[in-house]
Amino acid sequence: MIKAPDISIVILNYNSIFFLEKCLKSVKESKLNGLSIEIIVIDNASSDGSAKKIRKSHPEVTLIESGKNIGFAAGNNLAKKLVKGQYLLFLNPDTVLEKDTLFKTFQFMEENSKVGAATCRLQLPNGKLDYSTHRGFPTPTNALFYFFIPLAKVFPKSKAFSGYTLGWKLSDSEPHEVDAISGAFFFVRAEAAKKVGWWDEDYFWYGEDLEFCYQLKKEGWKIMFITGASAIHYKGVSSGIKKHSQEFSSASEETKRRSVVASIEVMRIFYKKHYLNKYPKIVSFIVLTGIKLLERVRLLSIQK
């Protein structure tokens, strides 16, 4: 009888073959200390020859071709019937793992049975922390001080203003609990993922990780940020809207526009799912109006 792998690694790719190769190389060079892994790549109808390259150069990888770009959630969900690991790692193709990151994360999960999902420290190419890997939920107050009146940037360690980034926890050198982590490195127990139904396909691109974490928390699982493991996240290679990765991205103007719209739409979806009935109507009106204004500002910024 063939033993099931310890970790199933699922990588959703869209026109990122250069970075996908680097990502796969870092996975294969990881110090696993006896752990077994399987790698599943879902290609979301890339036009850069990604699928052909994977078939030719990486025969050990299970390749799924979606046929069309069905988004992040639906794309990752294509692997649901194939994964066999007791843990799942959803990994972006624009990430590069440190050699001991997989083992350290696995070991942490094995030692902490109440943790449903965890992430390593994701760093941007400039060495700064990718904020999306260490977040609070976007309540109206948290969103206000991060997106609209950015006092979180002025007072990054204030509990009053940095609720979205949980900035006061960043000086903690020990693993600690957060509300949400990034889908770029999302290490989750298979049983916990099954319990919440994997990725919510109401989200096309962005925000799926927030929703996943929200559902895990509802089921009583903890979400943890592991300080002693790390990876580089080039972030935004597919979307082309992140300043730090624009020089690497081959995203078209239409893709950039769709990325901006999607990044704003997630705010509406998440708010309507979880906060619309929790706050007075006037608060919801202000929030949804603010989201609309933010969308216009961001669309104008990419037209410059």
Protein backbone atom coordinates (compact mmCIF):
# COMPACT_ATOMS: atom_id res chain seq x y z
CA MET A 1 0.00 0.00 0.00
CA ILE A 2 1.38 3.40 -1.03
CA LYS A 3 1.68 5.83 1.88
CA ALA A 4 -0.16 9.11 1.45
CA PRO A 5 2.10 12.18 1.26
CA ASP A 6 2.55 14.32 4.33
CA ILE A 7 1.98 17.54 2.38
CA SER A 8 0.06 18.21 -0.81
CA ILE A 9 1.37 21.39 -2.44
CA VAL A 10 -1.13 23.12 -4.73
CA ILE A 11 0.15 25.89 -7.01
CA LEU A 12 -2.24 27.93 -9.14
CA ASN A 13 -0.46 29.44 -12.12
CA TYR A 14 -1.47 32.17 -14.55
CA ASN A 15 1.14 33.43 -17.02
CA SER A 16 3.96 33.14 -14.48
CA ILE A 17 6.18 30.41 -15.92
CA PHE A 18 9.45 32.24 -15.10
CA PHE A 19 8.52 32.53 -11.42
CA LEU A 20 6.84 29.12 -11.33
CA GLU A 21 10.15 27.53 -12.30
CA LYS A 22 11.89 29.33 -9.43
CA CYS A 23 9.12 28.30 -7.05
CA LEU A 24 9.29 24.63 -8.02
CA LYS A 25 13.07 24.70 -7.71
CA SER A 26 12.80 26.04 -4.16
CA VAL A 27 10.26 23.34 -3.27
CA LYS A 28 12.45 20.57 -4.66
CA GLU A 29 15.51 21.88 -2.84
CA SER A 30 13.71 22.05 0.50
CA LYS A 31 15.16 20.10 3.42
CA LEU A 32 12.27 17.75 4.11
CA ASN A 33 13.94 15.50 6.71
CA GLY A 34 11.98 12.48 5.56
CA LEU A 35 8.66 14.20 4.79
CA SER A 36 6.90 13.21 1.61
CA ILE A 37 5.20 15.68 -0.69
CA GLU A 38 3.14 15.78 -3.84
CA ILE A 39 2.97 18.80 -6.14
CA ILE A 40 -0.13 19.74 -8.09
CA VAL A 41 -0.02 22.67 -10.52
CA ILE A 42 -3.26 24.10 -11.86
CA ASP A 43 -2.72 26.18 -14.97
CA ASN A 44 -5.47 28.76 -15.34
CA ALA A 45 -5.39 28.98 -19.15
CA SER A 46 -2.01 30.72 -19.36
CA SER A 47 -0.91 32.06 -22.74
CA ASP A 48 2.84 31.92 -21.98
CA GLY A 49 3.36 28.21 -22.57
CA SER A 50 3.29 27.32 -18.87
CA ALA A 51 1.45 24.02 -19.26
CA LYS A 52 3.72 22.80 -22.05
CA LYS A 53 6.81 23.70 -20.03
CA ILE A 54 5.56 21.89 -16.93
CA ARG A 55 4.72 18.74 -18.88
CA LYS A 56 8.15 18.71 -20.48
CA SER A 57 10.41 19.73 -17.58
CA HIS A 58 8.53 18.54 -14.49
CA PRO A 59 7.02 15.09 -15.13
CA GLU A 60 6.74 14.46 -11.37
CA VAL A 61 4.21 17.31 -11.10
CA THR A 62 0.51 16.57 -11.49
CA LEU A 63 -0.77 19.15 -13.98
CA ILE A 64 -4.37 20.29 -14.22
CA GLU A 65 -5.38 22.61 -17.06
CA SER A 66 -8.52 24.62 -16.36
CA GLY A 67 -9.31 25.46 -19.99
CA LYS A 68 -10.13 29.05 -19.10
CA ASN A 69 -9.22 31.53 -16.39
CA ILE A 70 -11.70 30.62 -13.67
CA GLY A 71 -10.06 32.65 -10.90
CA PHE A 72 -8.12 31.83 -7.74
CA ALA A 73 -10.77 30.07 -5.69
CA ALA A 74 -12.29 27.93 -8.43
CA GLY A 75 -8.84 27.18 -9.84
CA ASN A 76 -7.48 25.90 -6.52
CA ASN A 77 -10.66 23.92 -5.94
CA LEU A 78 -9.87 21.82 -9.01
CA ALA A 79 -7.29 20.01 -6.88
CA LYS A 80 -9.83 19.03 -4.20
CA LYS A 81 -10.40 15.50 -5.49
CA LEU A 82 -6.70 14.83 -6.14
CA VAL A 83 -4.91 15.83 -2.95
CA LYS A 84 -3.90 13.04 -0.59
CA GLY A 85 -1.82 14.81 2.09
CA GLN A 86 -2.80 15.30 5.71
CA TYR A 87 -1.72 18.91 5.19
CA LEU A 88 -2.28 21.18 2.21
CA LEU A 89 -0.02 24.03 1.17
CA PHE A 90 -1.58 26.49 -1.24
CA LEU A 91 1.40 28.27 -2.73
CA ASN A 92 1.66 31.11 -5.21
CA PRO A 93 3.98 30.60 -8.18
CA ASP A 94 5.75 33.89 -7.38
CA THR A 95 7.11 32.59 -4.06
CA VAL A 96 10.55 31.19 -3.26
CA LEU A 97 10.86 29.09 -0.11
CA GLU A 98 13.75 29.01 2.29
CA LYS A 99 15.15 25.49 2.53
CA ASP A 100 13.71 24.66 5.96
CA THR A 101 10.35 26.45 5.65
CA LEU A 102 8.27 23.42 4.69
CA PHE A 103 9.64 21.26 7.48
CA LYS A 104 9.38 23.98 10.13
CA THR A 105 5.77 24.71 9.22
CA PHE A 106 4.85 21.03 9.20
CA GLN A 107 6.56 20.51 12.56
CA PHE A 108 4.74 23.48 14.07
CA MET A 109 1.38 22.16 12.91
CA GLU A 110 2.16 18.71 14.30
CA GLU A 111 2.92 20.24 17.70
CA ASN A 112 -0.17 22.49 17.78
CA SER A 113 -3.31 20.48 17.15
CA LYS A 114 -5.70 23.42 17.58
CA VAL A 115 -4.13 25.35 14.69
CA GLY A 116 -6.11 25.03 11.49
CA ALA A 117 -3.86 27.08 9.23
CA ALA A 118 -0.49 28.80 9.44
CA THR A 119 1.87 30.85 7.35
CA CYS A 120 5.54 31.61 7.34
CA ARG A 121 6.97 35.12 7.23
CA LEU A 122 6.39 36.23 3.63
CA GLN A 123 8.83 38.93 2.57
CA LEU A 124 8.68 41.14 -0.48
CA PRO A 125 11.82 41.38 -2.67
CA ASN A 126 12.77 44.58 -0.83
CA GLY A 127 12.83 42.70 2.49
CA LYS A 128 9.65 44.21 3.88
CA LEU A 129 6.88 42.05 5.27
CA ASP A 130 3.99 41.28 2.95
CA TYR A 131 1.21 42.82 5.05
CA SER A 132 -1.39 40.34 3.74
CA THR A 133 0.29 37.51 5.63
CA HIS A 134 -0.37 39.14 9.02
CA ARG A 135 -3.85 40.64 9.14
CA GLY A 136 -6.84 41.41 11.26
CA PHE A 137 -10.27 41.17 9.66
CA PRO A 138 -11.39 44.29 7.75
CA THR A 139 -14.03 45.57 10.13
CA PRO A 140 -15.23 49.11 9.33
CA THR A 141 -12.83 50.57 11.90
CA ASN A 142 -9.84 48.51 10.75
CA ALA A 143 -10.53 49.33 7.10
CA LEU A 144 -11.02 53.02 7.85
CA PHE A 145 -7.59 53.43 9.44
CA TYR A 146 -5.81 51.37 6.79
CA PHE A 147 -7.45 52.22 3.45
CA PHE A 148 -9.14 55.59 3.90
CA ILE A 149 -7.51 57.51 6.77
CA PRO A 150 -4.17 55.65 6.90
CA LEU A 151 -3.30 56.26 10.52
CA ALA A 152 -2.06 52.67 10.60
CA LYS A 153 0.96 53.85 8.62
CA VAL A 154 1.57 56.77 10.99
CA PHE A 155 1.11 54.66 14.12
CA PRO A 156 2.02 51.13 12.93
CA LYS A 157 2.14 49.61 16.43
CA SER A 158 -1.04 51.18 17.77
CA LYS A 159 -3.85 48.80 18.73
CA ALA A 160 -6.32 51.58 18.05
CA PHE A 161 -5.18 52.25 14.48
CA SER A 162 -3.39 49.15 13.21
CA GLY A 163 -6.13 46.59 13.64
CA TYR A 164 -5.91 45.53 10.01
CA THR A 165 -2.17 44.82 10.08
CA LEU A 166 -2.04 43.77 13.76
CA GLY A 167 1.09 45.89 13.85
CA TRP A 168 1.58 45.70 17.62
CA LYS A 169 2.23 41.95 17.28
CA LEU A 170 5.02 42.27 14.70
CA SER A 171 7.72 42.75 17.32
CA ASP A 172 6.83 39.36 18.83
CA SER A 173 9.59 36.90 17.94
CA GLU A 174 7.44 33.89 18.82
CA PRO A 175 4.70 32.36 16.64
CA HIS A 176 1.45 34.15 17.35
CA GLU A 177 -2.20 34.14 16.42
CA VAL A 178 -3.60 36.41 13.72
CA ASP A 179 -7.01 36.72 12.08
CA ALA A 180 -5.97 36.06 8.51
CA ILE A 181 -3.01 34.99 6.41
CA SER A 182 -2.16 35.18 2.73
CA GLY A 183 -3.21 32.67 0.10
CA ALA A 184 0.34 32.95 -1.24
CA PHE A 185 1.53 30.56 1.51
CA PHE A 186 -1.51 28.96 3.10
CA PHE A 187 -0.61 25.83 5.09
CA VAL A 188 -3.81 24.17 6.29
CA ARG A 189 -4.89 20.87 7.80
CA ALA A 190 -6.75 18.80 5.22
CA GLU A 191 -9.48 18.04 7.78
CA ALA A 192 -9.97 21.74 8.52
CA ALA A 193 -10.10 22.63 4.82
CA LYS A 194 -12.68 19.91 4.22
CA LYS A 195 -14.77 21.16 7.15
CA VAL A 196 -15.13 24.66 5.67
CA GLY A 197 -15.45 23.53 2.06
CA TRP A 198 -12.13 24.80 0.71
CA TRP A 199 -12.17 28.10 -1.22
CA ASP A 200 -15.31 30.23 -1.58
CA GLU A 201 -15.97 30.70 -5.30
CA ASP A 202 -17.96 33.90 -4.73
CA TYR A 203 -14.49 35.46 -4.87
CA PHE A 204 -12.76 35.46 -8.26
CA TRP A 205 -9.44 37.02 -7.38
CA TYR A 206 -8.39 38.44 -3.98
CA GLY A 207 -10.07 38.01 -0.63
CA GLU A 208 -10.46 34.24 -0.80
CA ASP A 209 -7.86 33.89 1.94
CA LEU A 210 -9.75 36.27 4.24
CA GLU A 211 -12.92 34.25 3.74
CA PHE A 212 -11.12 30.93 4.28
CA CYS A 213 -9.65 32.20 7.55
CA TYR A 214 -12.96 33.66 8.67
CA GLN A 215 -14.64 30.28 8.18
CA LEU A 216 -11.82 28.43 9.96
CA LYS A 217 -12.16 30.77 12.93
CA LYS A 218 -15.92 30.15 13.02
CA GLU A 219 -15.16 26.44 13.31
CA GLY A 220 -12.86 27.09 16.27
CA TRP A 221 -9.49 26.71 14.56
CA LYS A 222 -6.56 29.04 15.25
CA ILE A 223 -4.67 30.88 12.51
CA MET A 224 -0.96 31.32 13.22
CA PHE A 225 1.96 33.41 11.95
CA ILE A 226 5.24 31.49 12.28
CA THR A 227 8.16 33.85 12.79
CA GLY A 228 10.95 31.30 12.34
CA ALA A 229 10.17 30.26 8.76
CA SER A 230 10.21 32.49 5.70
CA ALA A 231 9.77 32.82 1.96
CA ILE A 232 10.12 35.55 -0.65
CA HIS A 233 6.91 36.71 -2.30
CA TYR A 234 7.31 38.71 -5.48
CA LYS A 235 3.59 39.54 -5.19
CA GLY A 236 1.52 41.00 -7.99
CA VAL A 237 3.34 39.36 -10.89
CA SER A 238 0.07 38.19 -12.45
CA SER A 239 -1.90 41.34 -11.67
CA GLY A 240 0.73 43.96 -12.51
CA ILE A 241 -0.67 46.49 -10.02
CA LYS A 242 1.91 46.23 -7.23
CA LYS A 243 4.68 48.82 -7.45
CA HIS A 244 7.42 46.51 -6.18
CA SER A 245 6.75 43.90 -8.91
CA GLN A 246 5.72 45.98 -11.91
CA GLU A 247 9.12 45.56 -13.53
CA PHE A 248 8.72 41.76 -13.38
CA SER A 249 5.10 41.61 -14.52
CA SER A 250 3.90 40.98 -18.06
CA ALA A 251 0.29 41.82 -17.21
CA SER A 252 -1.66 43.65 -19.91
CA GLU A 253 -3.50 46.91 -19.24
CA GLU A 254 -6.78 45.00 -19.28
CA THR A 255 -5.46 42.54 -16.70
CA LYS A 256 -4.36 45.44 -14.50
CA ARG A 257 -7.80 47.01 -14.76
CA ARG A 258 -9.52 43.73 -13.91
CA SER A 259 -7.14 43.27 -10.99
CA VAL A 260 -8.05 46.65 -9.52
CA VAL A 261 -11.77 45.98 -9.92
CA ALA A 262 -11.39 42.54 -8.33
CA SER A 263 -9.36 43.90 -5.40
CA ILE A 264 -12.18 46.34 -4.62
CA GLU A 265 -15.05 43.94 -5.30
CA VAL A 266 -13.73 41.65 -2.59
CA MET A 267 -14.32 44.42 -0.06
CA ARG A 268 -17.99 44.59 -1.04
CA ILE A 269 -18.41 40.82 -0.98
CA PHE A 270 -16.76 40.35 2.40
CA TYR A 271 -18.62 43.25 3.99
CA LYS A 272 -22.00 42.09 2.71
CA LYS A 273 -21.36 38.51 3.80
CA HIS A 274 -20.23 39.26 7.34
CA TYR A 275 -20.87 42.86 8.43
CA LEU A 276 -23.92 44.19 6.61
CA ASN A 277 -26.34 43.02 9.30
CA LYS A 278 -24.01 43.76 12.21
CA TYR A 279 -23.81 47.53 11.76
CA PRO A 280 -26.42 50.33 11.43
CA LYS A 281 -27.56 51.13 7.89
CA ILE A 282 -25.80 54.50 7.94
CA VAL A 283 -22.48 52.77 8.68
CA SER A 284 -23.01 50.35 5.80
CA PHE A 285 -23.90 53.22 3.48
CA ILE A 286 -20.69 55.07 4.40
CA VAL A 287 -18.58 51.93 4.03
CA LEU A 288 -19.99 50.95 0.63
CA THR A 289 -19.74 54.53 -0.65
CA GLY A 290 -16.13 54.68 0.52
CA ILE A 291 -15.38 51.42 -1.32
CA LYS A 292 -16.82 52.89 -4.52
CA LEU A 293 -14.66 56.00 -4.19
CA LEU A 294 -11.57 53.89 -3.52
CA GLU A 295 -12.28 51.91 -6.68
CA ARG A 296 -12.39 55.10 -8.78
CA VAL A 297 -9.15 56.38 -7.27
CA ARG A 298 -7.31 53.11 -7.93
CA LEU A 299 -8.59 52.88 -11.51
CA LEU A 300 -7.38 56.42 -12.16
CA SER A 301 -3.97 55.60 -10.70
CA ILE A 302 -3.28 52.83 -13.22
CA GLN A 303 -4.27 55.06 -16.13
CA LYS A 304 -1.45 57.49 -15.40
